[in-house]
Amino acid sequence: MEVLSITKNVRMSPQKMREVVRQIQGLAANDAMAVLAVIPRKSARVVSKTLKSAIANAEHNHRLDPNTLIVKEAVAGAATTYKRVTPKARGSMGPILKRNCHVRIIVSDL
């Protein structure tokens, strides 16, 4: 049985989030939590929170044992980008793209 958890509109670029998400893909859920606990990045805290939610969903909604869960899929995708501008020379403007991302984690039992 697959259980899904999504965190939407995280105020961080998807590229930075993917670096952390790729490290936990295919691991056991408990091992993935241990790996995320030692990564000193903001993205690791967000992914840890999403993984914890997926484990809780599996345990509460589907009566699965959290010790048998594995991270089947972990994806960070792009969300809406905020567009801002900064002044440039001779009265022109330069774009600033403030990127957001969605984090989707699927855990499944063995």
PDB file of N, CA and C in Angstrom:
ATOM      1  N   MET A   1       0.838  -1.171   0.000  1.00  0.00           N
ATOM      2  CA  MET A   1       0.000   0.000   0.000  1.00  0.00           C
ATOM      3  C   MET A   1       0.886   1.238   0.000  1.00  0.00           C
ATOM      4  N   GLU A   2       0.560   2.185  -0.869  1.00  0.00           N
ATOM      5  CA  GLU A   2       1.311   3.431  -0.965  1.00  0.00           C
ATOM      6  C   GLU A   2       0.578   4.545  -0.243  1.00  0.00           C
ATOM      7  N   VAL A   3       1.341   5.348   0.475  1.00  0.00           N
ATOM      8  CA  VAL A   3       0.779   6.472   1.223  1.00  0.00           C
ATOM      9  C   VAL A   3       1.529   7.731   0.815  1.00  0.00           C
ATOM     10  N   LEU A   4       0.760   8.802   0.574  1.00  0.00           N
ATOM     11  CA  LEU A   4       1.293  10.032   0.019  1.00  0.00           C
ATOM     12  C   LEU A   4       1.253  11.173   1.036  1.00  0.00           C
ATOM     13  N   SER A   5       2.262  12.025   0.979  1.00  0.00           N
ATOM     14  CA  SER A   5       2.265  13.254   1.767  1.00  0.00           C
ATOM     15  C   SER A   5       2.889  14.349   0.912  1.00  0.00           C
ATOM     16  N   ILE A   6       2.236  15.526   0.905  1.00  0.00           N
ATOM     17  CA  ILE A   6       2.690  16.632   0.068  1.00  0.00           C
ATOM     18  C   ILE A   6       2.828  17.895   0.921  1.00  0.00           C
ATOM     19  N   THR A   7       3.913  18.616   0.730  1.00  0.00           N
ATOM     20  CA  THR A   7       4.076  19.947   1.301  1.00  0.00           C
ATOM     21  C   THR A   7       4.160  20.909   0.132  1.00  0.00           C
ATOM     22  N   LYS A   8       3.255  21.882   0.123  1.00  0.00           N
ATOM     23  CA  LYS A   8       3.175  22.784  -1.020  1.00  0.00           C
ATOM     24  C   LYS A   8       3.719  24.170  -0.685  1.00  0.00           C
ATOM     25  N   ASN A   9       4.196  24.833  -1.731  1.00  0.00           N
ATOM     26  CA  ASN A   9       4.640  26.233  -1.684  1.00  0.00           C
ATOM     27  C   ASN A   9       5.703  26.490  -0.616  1.00  0.00           C
ATOM     28  N   VAL A  10       6.734  25.669  -0.626  1.00  0.00           N
ATOM     29  CA  VAL A  10       7.873  25.890   0.263  1.00  0.00           C
ATOM     30  C   VAL A  10       8.728  26.987  -0.351  1.00  0.00           C
ATOM     31  N   ARG A  11       9.126  27.963   0.438  1.00  0.00           N
ATOM     32  CA  ARG A  11       9.831  29.144  -0.059  1.00  0.00           C
ATOM     33  C   ARG A  11      11.318  28.846  -0.240  1.00  0.00           C
ATOM     34  N   MET A  12      11.601  27.933  -1.186  1.00  0.00           N
ATOM     35  CA  MET A  12      12.973  27.540  -1.489  1.00  0.00           C
ATOM     36  C   MET A  12      12.991  27.013  -2.920  1.00  0.00           C
ATOM     37  N   SER A  13      14.085  27.166  -3.602  1.00  0.00           N
ATOM     38  CA  SER A  13      14.137  26.717  -4.986  1.00  0.00           C
ATOM     39  C   SER A  13      14.119  25.193  -5.052  1.00  0.00           C
ATOM     40  N   PRO A  14      13.486  24.640  -6.085  1.00  0.00           N
ATOM     41  CA  PRO A  14      13.425  23.183  -6.225  1.00  0.00           C
ATOM     42  C   PRO A  14      14.801  22.542  -6.384  1.00  0.00           C
ATOM     43  N   GLN A  15      15.731  23.277  -6.964  1.00  0.00           N
ATOM     44  CA  GLN A  15      17.081  22.743  -7.160  1.00  0.00           C
ATOM     45  C   GLN A  15      17.748  22.449  -5.816  1.00  0.00           C
ATOM     46  N   LYS A  16      17.595  23.354  -4.842  1.00  0.00           N
ATOM     47  CA  LYS A  16      18.179  23.135  -3.519  1.00  0.00           C
ATOM     48  C   LYS A  16      17.474  21.993  -2.794  1.00  0.00           C
ATOM     49  N   MET A  17      16.170  21.872  -3.013  1.00  0.00           N
ATOM     50  CA  MET A  17      15.398  20.823  -2.354  1.00  0.00           C
ATOM     51  C   MET A  17      15.745  19.442  -2.918  1.00  0.00           C
ATOM     52  N   ARG A  18      15.963  19.368  -4.224  1.00  0.00           N
ATOM     53  CA  ARG A  18      16.259  18.071  -4.864  1.00  0.00           C
ATOM     54  C   ARG A  18      17.545  17.452  -4.345  1.00  0.00           C
ATOM     55  N   GLU A  19      18.525  18.272  -3.961  1.00  0.00           N
ATOM     56  CA  GLU A  19      19.791  17.739  -3.461  1.00  0.00           C
ATOM     57  C   GLU A  19      19.571  16.879  -2.220  1.00  0.00           C
ATOM     58  N   VAL A  20      18.613  17.260  -1.385  1.00  0.00           N
ATOM     59  CA  VAL A  20      18.324  16.510  -0.161  1.00  0.00           C
ATOM     60  C   VAL A  20      17.377  15.348  -0.455  1.00  0.00           C
ATOM     61  N   VAL A  21      16.387  15.590  -1.306  1.00  0.00           N
ATOM     62  CA  VAL A  21      15.358  14.583  -1.578  1.00  0.00           C
ATOM     63  C   VAL A  21      15.963  13.337  -2.235  1.00  0.00           C
ATOM     64  N   ARG A  22      16.949  13.539  -3.091  1.00  0.00           N
ATOM     65  CA  ARG A  22      17.580  12.400  -3.769  1.00  0.00           C
ATOM     66  C   ARG A  22      18.314  11.464  -2.803  1.00  0.00           C
ATOM     67  N   GLN A  23      18.757  11.994  -1.674  1.00  0.00           N
ATOM     68  CA  GLN A  23      19.529  11.181  -0.728  1.00  0.00           C
ATOM     69  C   GLN A  23      18.671  10.166   0.008  1.00  0.00           C
ATOM     70  N   ILE A  24      17.356  10.404   0.127  1.00  0.00           N
ATOM     71  CA  ILE A  24      16.522   9.493   0.919  1.00  0.00           C
ATOM     72  C   ILE A  24      15.719   8.529   0.067  1.00  0.00           C
ATOM     73  N   GLN A  25      15.732   8.703  -1.241  1.00  0.00           N
ATOM     74  CA  GLN A  25      14.916   7.857  -2.103  1.00  0.00           C
ATOM     75  C   GLN A  25      15.383   6.401  -2.044  1.00  0.00           C
ATOM     76  N   GLY A  26      14.449   5.494  -1.771  1.00  0.00           N
ATOM     77  CA  GLY A  26      14.754   4.073  -1.718  1.00  0.00           C
ATOM     78  C   GLY A  26      15.183   3.572  -0.351  1.00  0.00           C
ATOM     79  N   LEU A  27      15.374   4.457   0.613  1.00  0.00           N
ATOM     80  CA  LEU A  27      15.780   4.036   1.959  1.00  0.00           C
ATOM     81  C   LEU A  27      14.567   3.602   2.778  1.00  0.00           C
ATOM     82  N   ALA A  28      14.825   2.872   3.841  1.00  0.00           N
ATOM     83  CA  ALA A  28      13.772   2.605   4.820  1.00  0.00           C
ATOM     84  C   ALA A  28      13.410   3.928   5.493  1.00  0.00           C
ATOM     85  N   ALA A  29      12.149   4.050   5.908  1.00  0.00           N
ATOM     86  CA  ALA A  29      11.665   5.326   6.451  1.00  0.00           C
ATOM     87  C   ALA A  29      12.455   5.743   7.692  1.00  0.00           C
ATOM     88  N   ASN A  30      12.759   4.789   8.568  1.00  0.00           N
ATOM     89  CA  ASN A  30      13.527   5.115   9.778  1.00  0.00           C
ATOM     90  C   ASN A  30      14.946   5.551   9.434  1.00  0.00           C
ATOM     91  N   ASP A  31      15.558   4.882   8.447  1.00  0.00           N
ATOM     92  CA  ASP A  31      16.901   5.260   8.012  1.00  0.00           C
ATOM     93  C   ASP A  31      16.895   6.645   7.362  1.00  0.00           C
ATOM     94  N   ALA A  32      15.844   6.938   6.597  1.00  0.00           N
ATOM     95  CA  ALA A  32      15.735   8.244   5.949  1.00  0.00           C
ATOM     96  C   ALA A  32      15.610   9.350   6.987  1.00  0.00           C
ATOM     97  N   MET A  33      14.844   9.104   8.053  1.00  0.00           N
ATOM     98  CA  MET A  33      14.727  10.103   9.119  1.00  0.00           C
ATOM     99  C   MET A  33      16.077  10.340   9.790  1.00  0.00           C
ATOM    100  N   ALA A  34      16.856   9.271   9.982  1.00  0.00           N
ATOM    101  CA  ALA A  34      18.180   9.397  10.593  1.00  0.00           C
ATOM    102  C   ALA A  34      19.122  10.189   9.688  1.00  0.00           C
ATOM    103  N   VAL A  35      19.048   9.956   8.378  1.00  0.00           N
ATOM    104  CA  VAL A  35      19.895  10.687   7.438  1.00  0.00           C
ATOM    105  C   VAL A  35      19.533  12.173   7.443  1.00  0.00           C
ATOM    106  N   LEU A  36      18.225  12.465   7.435  1.00  0.00           N
ATOM    107  CA  LEU A  36      17.782  13.863   7.410  1.00  0.00           C
ATOM    108  C   LEU A  36      18.141  14.611   8.699  1.00  0.00           C
ATOM    109  N   ALA A  37      18.242  13.877   9.804  1.00  0.00           N
ATOM    110  CA  ALA A  37      18.549  14.513  11.086  1.00  0.00           C
ATOM    111  C   ALA A  37      19.970  15.081  11.126  1.00  0.00           C
ATOM    112  N   VAL A  38      20.868  14.542  10.327  1.00  0.00           N
ATOM    113  CA  VAL A  38      22.262  14.993  10.374  1.00  0.00           C
ATOM    114  C   VAL A  38      22.632  15.920   9.219  1.00  0.00           C
ATOM    115  N   ILE A  39      21.694  16.209   8.319  1.00  0.00           N
ATOM    116  CA  ILE A  39      21.975  17.127   7.220  1.00  0.00           C
ATOM    117  C   ILE A  39      21.691  18.559   7.687  1.00  0.00           C
ATOM    118  N   PRO A  40      22.682  19.441   7.672  1.00  0.00           N
ATOM    119  CA  PRO A  40      22.504  20.791   8.226  1.00  0.00           C
ATOM    120  C   PRO A  40      21.956  21.796   7.206  1.00  0.00           C
ATOM    121  N   ARG A  41      20.766  21.512   6.657  1.00  0.00           N
ATOM    122  CA  ARG A  41      20.173  22.401   5.668  1.00  0.00           C
ATOM    123  C   ARG A  41      18.706  22.646   5.990  1.00  0.00           C
ATOM    124  N   LYS A  42      18.204  23.786   5.594  1.00  0.00           N
ATOM    125  CA  LYS A  42      16.789  24.090   5.793  1.00  0.00           C
ATOM    126  C   LYS A  42      15.911  23.107   5.029  1.00  0.00           C
ATOM    127  N   SER A  43      16.343  22.711   3.847  1.00  0.00           N
ATOM    128  CA  SER A  43      15.556  21.778   3.039  1.00  0.00           C
ATOM    129  C   SER A  43      15.422  20.424   3.725  1.00  0.00           C
ATOM    130  N   ALA A  44      16.411  20.011   4.498  1.00  0.00           N
ATOM    131  CA  ALA A  44      16.334  18.739   5.219  1.00  0.00           C
ATOM    132  C   ALA A  44      15.237  18.789   6.277  1.00  0.00           C
ATOM    133  N   ARG A  45      15.058  19.934   6.919  1.00  0.00           N
ATOM    134  CA  ARG A  45      13.989  20.062   7.917  1.00  0.00           C
ATOM    135  C   ARG A  45      12.616  19.968   7.270  1.00  0.00           C
ATOM    136  N   VAL A  46      12.448  20.564   6.103  1.00  0.00           N
ATOM    137  CA  VAL A  46      11.162  20.513   5.402  1.00  0.00           C
ATOM    138  C   VAL A  46      10.860  19.096   4.926  1.00  0.00           C
ATOM    139  N   VAL A  47      11.854  18.434   4.364  1.00  0.00           N
ATOM    140  CA  VAL A  47      11.671  17.066   3.888  1.00  0.00           C
ATOM    141  C   VAL A  47      11.400  16.123   5.063  1.00  0.00           C
ATOM    142  N   SER A  48      12.069  16.341   6.184  1.00  0.00           N
ATOM    143  CA  SER A  48      11.843  15.530   7.376  1.00  0.00           C
ATOM    144  C   SER A  48      10.408  15.666   7.870  1.00  0.00           C
ATOM    145  N   LYS A  49       9.899  16.884   7.846  1.00  0.00           N
ATOM    146  CA  LYS A  49       8.529  17.132   8.273  1.00  0.00           C
ATOM    147  C   LYS A  49       7.529  16.417   7.346  1.00  0.00           C
ATOM    148  N   THR A  50       7.786  16.456   6.052  1.00  0.00           N
ATOM    149  CA  THR A  50       6.913  15.798   5.081  1.00  0.00           C
ATOM    150  C   THR A  50       6.980  14.287   5.237  1.00  0.00           C
ATOM    151  N   LEU A  51       8.171  13.743   5.451  1.00  0.00           N
ATOM    152  CA  LEU A  51       8.327  12.301   5.649  1.00  0.00           C
ATOM    153  C   LEU A  51       7.641  11.852   6.930  1.00  0.00           C
ATOM    154  N   LYS A  52       7.767  12.641   7.983  1.00  0.00           N
ATOM    155  CA  LYS A  52       7.102  12.323   9.243  1.00  0.00           C
ATOM    156  C   LYS A  52       5.585  12.286   9.052  1.00  0.00           C
ATOM    157  N   SER A  53       5.062  13.192   8.247  1.00  0.00           N
ATOM    158  CA  SER A  53       3.625  13.226   7.949  1.00  0.00           C
ATOM    159  C   SER A  53       3.205  11.993   7.159  1.00  0.00           C
ATOM    160  N   ALA A  54       4.021  11.567   6.200  1.00  0.00           N
ATOM    161  CA  ALA A  54       3.700  10.376   5.412  1.00  0.00           C
ATOM    162  C   ALA A  54       3.682   9.120   6.288  1.00  0.00           C
ATOM    163  N   ILE A  55       4.632   9.034   7.222  1.00  0.00           N
ATOM    164  CA  ILE A  55       4.673   7.886   8.136  1.00  0.00           C
ATOM    165  C   ILE A  55       3.442   7.893   9.041  1.00  0.00           C
ATOM    166  N   ALA A  56       3.077   9.072   9.538  1.00  0.00           N
ATOM    167  CA  ALA A  56       1.895   9.177  10.397  1.00  0.00           C
ATOM    168  C   ALA A  56       0.623   8.839   9.625  1.00  0.00           C
ATOM    169  N   ASN A  57       0.535   9.260   8.359  1.00  0.00           N
ATOM    170  CA  ASN A  57      -0.619   8.911   7.533  1.00  0.00           C
ATOM    171  C   ASN A  57      -0.732   7.406   7.346  1.00  0.00           C
ATOM    172  N   ALA A  58       0.401   6.754   7.099  1.00  0.00           N
ATOM    173  CA  ALA A  58       0.390   5.309   6.906  1.00  0.00           C
ATOM    174  C   ALA A  58      -0.027   4.583   8.171  1.00  0.00           C
ATOM    175  N   GLU A  59       0.468   5.070   9.297  1.00  0.00           N
ATOM    176  CA  GLU A  59       0.179   4.422  10.577  1.00  0.00           C
ATOM    177  C   GLU A  59      -1.280   4.632  10.999  1.00  0.00           C
ATOM    178  N   HIS A  60      -1.760   5.847  10.853  1.00  0.00           N
ATOM    179  CA  HIS A  60      -3.100   6.169  11.338  1.00  0.00           C
ATOM    180  C   HIS A  60      -4.212   5.768  10.361  1.00  0.00           C
ATOM    181  N   ASN A  61      -4.036   6.097   9.077  1.00  0.00           N
ATOM    182  CA  ASN A  61      -5.110   5.879   8.105  1.00  0.00           C
ATOM    183  C   ASN A  61      -5.167   4.458   7.568  1.00  0.00           C
ATOM    184  N   HIS A  62      -4.014   3.790   7.467  1.00  0.00           N
ATOM    185  CA  HIS A  62      -3.975   2.479   6.831  1.00  0.00           C
ATOM    186  C   HIS A  62      -3.471   1.370   7.744  1.00  0.00           C
ATOM    187  N   ARG A  63      -3.219   1.689   9.007  1.00  0.00           N
ATOM    188  CA  ARG A  63      -2.787   0.704  10.010  1.00  0.00           C
ATOM    189  C   ARG A  63      -1.528  -0.062   9.576  1.00  0.00           C
ATOM    190  N   LEU A  64      -0.571   0.653   8.997  1.00  0.00           N
ATOM    191  CA  LEU A  64       0.691   0.028   8.590  1.00  0.00           C
ATOM    192  C   LEU A  64       1.722   0.200   9.698  1.00  0.00           C
ATOM    193  N   ASP A  65       2.641  -0.767   9.771  1.00  0.00           N
ATOM    194  CA  ASP A  65       3.710  -0.699  10.768  1.00  0.00           C
ATOM    195  C   ASP A  65       4.789   0.269  10.271  1.00  0.00           C
ATOM    196  N   PRO A  66       5.117   1.298  11.026  1.00  0.00           N
ATOM    197  CA  PRO A  66       6.112   2.275  10.554  1.00  0.00           C
ATOM    198  C   PRO A  66       7.511   1.690  10.376  1.00  0.00           C
ATOM    199  N   ASN A  67       7.807   0.573  11.005  1.00  0.00           N
ATOM    200  CA  ASN A  67       9.136  -0.036  10.873  1.00  0.00           C
ATOM    201  C   ASN A  67       9.323  -0.759   9.541  1.00  0.00           C
ATOM    202  N   THR A  68       8.231  -1.050   8.825  1.00  0.00           N
ATOM    203  CA  THR A  68       8.340  -1.766   7.556  1.00  0.00           C
ATOM    204  C   THR A  68       8.220  -0.847   6.349  1.00  0.00           C
ATOM    205  N   LEU A  69       8.110   0.452   6.566  1.00  0.00           N
ATOM    206  CA  LEU A  69       7.907   1.384   5.457  1.00  0.00           C
ATOM    207  C   LEU A  69       9.220   1.756   4.779  1.00  0.00           C
ATOM    208  N   ILE A  70       9.156   1.924   3.462  1.00  0.00           N
ATOM    209  CA  ILE A  70      10.300   2.409   2.695  1.00  0.00           C
ATOM    210  C   ILE A  70       9.864   3.642   1.910  1.00  0.00           C
ATOM    211  N   VAL A  71      10.808   4.507   1.587  1.00  0.00           N
ATOM    212  CA  VAL A  71      10.523   5.695   0.791  1.00  0.00           C
ATOM    213  C   VAL A  71      10.564   5.271  -0.669  1.00  0.00           C
ATOM    214  N   LYS A  72       9.387   5.108  -1.249  1.00  0.00           N
ATOM    215  CA  LYS A  72       9.314   4.657  -2.638  1.00  0.00           C
ATOM    216  C   LYS A  72       9.646   5.779  -3.606  1.00  0.00           C
ATOM    217  N   GLU A  73       9.121   6.971  -3.330  1.00  0.00           N
ATOM    218  CA  GLU A  73       9.341   8.095  -4.226  1.00  0.00           C
ATOM    219  C   GLU A  73       9.457   9.369  -3.411  1.00  0.00           C
ATOM    220  N   ALA A  74      10.404  10.203  -3.762  1.00  0.00           N
ATOM    221  CA  ALA A  74      10.574  11.508  -3.129  1.00  0.00           C
ATOM    222  C   ALA A  74      10.927  12.502  -4.228  1.00  0.00           C
ATOM    223  N   VAL A  75      10.042  13.482  -4.429  1.00  0.00           N
ATOM    224  CA  VAL A  75      10.182  14.393  -5.560  1.00  0.00           C
ATOM    225  C   VAL A  75      10.019  15.834  -5.078  1.00  0.00           C
ATOM    226  N   ALA A  76      10.815  16.728  -5.625  1.00  0.00           N
ATOM    227  CA  ALA A  76      10.654  18.166  -5.400  1.00  0.00           C
ATOM    228  C   ALA A  76      10.416  18.815  -6.752  1.00  0.00           C
ATOM    229  N   GLY A  77       9.254  19.437  -6.905  1.00  0.00           N
ATOM    230  CA  GLY A  77       8.895  20.070  -8.167  1.00  0.00           C
ATOM    231  C   GLY A  77       8.705  21.561  -8.000  1.00  0.00           C
ATOM    232  N   ALA A  78       8.673  22.243  -9.112  1.00  0.00           N
ATOM    233  CA  ALA A  78       8.540  23.697  -9.096  1.00  0.00           C
ATOM    234  C   ALA A  78       7.109  24.108  -8.781  1.00  0.00           C
ATOM    235  N   ALA A  79       6.976  25.217  -8.070  1.00  0.00           N
ATOM    236  CA  ALA A  79       5.680  25.813  -7.769  1.00  0.00           C
ATOM    237  C   ALA A  79       5.667  27.208  -8.396  1.00  0.00           C
ATOM    238  N   THR A  80       4.712  28.017  -8.013  1.00  0.00           N
ATOM    239  CA  THR A  80       4.600  29.367  -8.550  1.00  0.00           C
ATOM    240  C   THR A  80       5.838  30.190  -8.186  1.00  0.00           C
ATOM    241  N   THR A  81       6.353  30.909  -9.166  1.00  0.00           N
ATOM    242  CA  THR A  81       7.518  31.756  -8.959  1.00  0.00           C
ATOM    243  C   THR A  81       7.064  33.202  -8.782  1.00  0.00           C
ATOM    244  N   TYR A  82       7.521  33.851  -7.703  1.00  0.00           N
ATOM    245  CA  TYR A  82       7.229  35.263  -7.500  1.00  0.00           C
ATOM    246  C   TYR A  82       8.192  36.069  -8.364  1.00  0.00           C
ATOM    247  N   LYS A  83       7.639  37.018  -9.097  1.00  0.00           N
ATOM    248  CA  LYS A  83       8.473  37.832  -9.962  1.00  0.00           C
ATOM    249  C   LYS A  83       8.610  39.227  -9.364  1.00  0.00           C
ATOM    250  N   ARG A  84       9.844  39.652  -9.143  1.00  0.00           N
ATOM    251  CA  ARG A  84      10.142  40.964  -8.608  1.00  0.00           C
ATOM    252  C   ARG A  84      11.176  41.628  -9.534  1.00  0.00           C
ATOM    253  N   VAL A  85      11.414  42.931  -9.342  1.00  0.00           N
ATOM    254  CA  VAL A  85      12.390  43.617 -10.180  1.00  0.00           C
ATOM    255  C   VAL A  85      13.357  44.402  -9.302  1.00  0.00           C
ATOM    256  N   THR A  86      14.516  44.648  -9.856  1.00  0.00           N
ATOM    257  CA  THR A  86      15.507  45.488  -9.199  1.00  0.00           C
ATOM    258  C   THR A  86      15.949  46.574 -10.183  1.00  0.00           C
ATOM    259  N   PRO A  87      16.202  47.775  -9.711  1.00  0.00           N
ATOM    260  CA  PRO A  87      16.616  48.850 -10.628  1.00  0.00           C
ATOM    261  C   PRO A  87      17.994  48.563 -11.237  1.00  0.00           C
ATOM    262  N   LYS A  88      18.110  48.911 -12.498  1.00  0.00           N
ATOM    263  CA  LYS A  88      19.375  48.753 -13.221  1.00  0.00           C
ATOM    264  C   LYS A  88      19.784  50.106 -13.816  1.00  0.00           C
ATOM    265  N   ALA A  89      20.841  50.099 -14.556  1.00  0.00           N
ATOM    266  CA  ALA A  89      21.382  51.340 -15.124  1.00  0.00           C
ATOM    267  C   ALA A  89      20.427  51.951 -16.143  1.00  0.00           C
ATOM    268  N   ARG A  90      20.441  53.257 -16.212  1.00  0.00           N
ATOM    269  CA  ARG A  90      19.716  54.049 -17.204  1.00  0.00           C
ATOM    270  C   ARG A  90      18.201  53.822 -17.131  1.00  0.00           C
ATOM    271  N   GLY A  91      17.691  53.597 -15.921  1.00  0.00           N
ATOM    272  CA  GLY A  91      16.247  53.520 -15.720  1.00  0.00           C
ATOM    273  C   GLY A  91      15.597  52.209 -16.099  1.00  0.00           C
ATOM    274  N   SER A  92      16.384  51.194 -16.390  1.00  0.00           N
ATOM    275  CA  SER A  92      15.791  49.909 -16.754  1.00  0.00           C
ATOM    276  C   SER A  92      15.620  49.050 -15.506  1.00  0.00           C
ATOM    277  N   MET A  93      15.035  47.873 -15.701  1.00  0.00           N
ATOM    278  CA  MET A  93      14.791  46.964 -14.570  1.00  0.00           C
ATOM    279  C   MET A  93      15.392  45.598 -14.874  1.00  0.00           C
ATOM    280  N   GLY A  94      15.826  44.923 -13.818  1.00  0.00           N
ATOM    281  CA  GLY A  94      16.312  43.564 -13.946  1.00  0.00           C
ATOM    282  C   GLY A  94      15.406  42.630 -13.157  1.00  0.00           C
ATOM    283  N   PRO A  95      15.126  41.461 -13.700  1.00  0.00           N
ATOM    284  CA  PRO A  95      14.193  40.546 -13.025  1.00  0.00           C
ATOM    285  C   PRO A  95      14.821  39.833 -11.831  1.00  0.00           C
ATOM    286  N   ILE A  96      14.000  39.572 -10.817  1.00  0.00           N
ATOM    287  CA  ILE A  96      14.364  38.713  -9.690  1.00  0.00           C
ATOM    288  C   ILE A  96      13.303  37.635  -9.622  1.00  0.00           C
ATOM    289  N   LEU A  97      13.704  36.382  -9.674  1.00  0.00           N
ATOM    290  CA  LEU A  97      12.767  35.261  -9.611  1.00  0.00           C
ATOM    291  C   LEU A  97      12.884  34.603  -8.244  1.00  0.00           C
ATOM    292  N   LYS A  98      11.819  34.702  -7.462  1.00  0.00           N
ATOM    293  CA  LYS A  98      11.799  34.065  -6.142  1.00  0.00           C
ATOM    294  C   LYS A  98      11.065  32.739  -6.290  1.00  0.00           C
ATOM    295  N   ARG A  99      11.817  31.656  -6.300  1.00  0.00           N
ATOM    296  CA  ARG A  99      11.261  30.350  -6.629  1.00  0.00           C
ATOM    297  C   ARG A  99      10.690  29.633  -5.403  1.00  0.00           C
ATOM    298  N   ASN A 100       9.640  28.849  -5.640  1.00  0.00           N
ATOM    299  CA  ASN A 100       8.995  28.021  -4.625  1.00  0.00           C
ATOM    300  C   ASN A 100       8.965  26.592  -5.136  1.00  0.00           C
ATOM    301  N   CYS A 101       8.683  25.652  -4.230  1.00  0.00           N
ATOM    302  CA  CYS A 101       8.623  24.257  -4.662  1.00  0.00           C
ATOM    303  C   CYS A 101       7.580  23.479  -3.869  1.00  0.00           C
ATOM    304  N   HIS A 102       7.189  22.338  -4.432  1.00  0.00           N
ATOM    305  CA  HIS A 102       6.321  21.373  -3.769  1.00  0.00           C
ATOM    306  C   HIS A 102       7.167  20.130  -3.481  1.00  0.00           C
ATOM    307  N   VAL A 103       6.969  19.513  -2.316  1.00  0.00           N
ATOM    308  CA  VAL A 103       7.674  18.286  -1.951  1.00  0.00           C
ATOM    309  C   VAL A 103       6.647  17.172  -1.840  1.00  0.00           C
ATOM    310  N   ARG A 104       6.842  16.076  -2.587  1.00  0.00           N
ATOM    311  CA  ARG A 104       5.932  14.936  -2.551  1.00  0.00           C
ATOM    312  C   ARG A 104       6.710  13.684  -2.173  1.00  0.00           C
ATOM    313  N   ILE A 105       6.250  13.006  -1.110  1.00  0.00           N
ATOM    314  CA  ILE A 105       6.905  11.786  -0.646  1.00  0.00           C
ATOM    315  C   ILE A 105       5.874  10.656  -0.606  1.00  0.00           C
ATOM    316  N   ILE A 106       6.227   9.525  -1.194  1.00  0.00           N
ATOM    317  CA  ILE A 106       5.377   8.342  -1.170  1.00  0.00           C
ATOM    318  C   ILE A 106       6.129   7.253  -0.419  1.00  0.00           C
ATOM    319  N   VAL A 107       5.499   6.728   0.643  1.00  0.00           N
ATOM    320  CA  VAL A 107       6.055   5.592   1.370  1.00  0.00           C
ATOM    321  C   VAL A 107       5.169   4.387   1.106  1.00  0.00           C
ATOM    322  N   SER A 108       5.782   3.212   1.112  1.00  0.00           N
ATOM    323  CA  SER A 108       5.014   1.989   0.908  1.00  0.00           C
ATOM    324  C   SER A 108       5.579   0.903   1.824  1.00  0.00           C
ATOM    325  N   ASP A 109       4.734  -0.075   2.114  1.00  0.00           N
ATOM    326  CA  ASP A 109       5.209  -1.188   2.943  1.00  0.00           C
ATOM    327  C   ASP A 109       5.895  -2.199   2.045  1.00  0.00           C
ATOM    328  N   LEU A 110       6.665  -3.093   2.646  1.00  0.00           N
ATOM    329  CA  LEU A 110       7.459  -4.065   1.867  1.00  0.00           C
ATOM    330  C   LEU A 110       6.635  -5.087   1.220  1.00  0.00           C
TER     331      LEU A 110
END
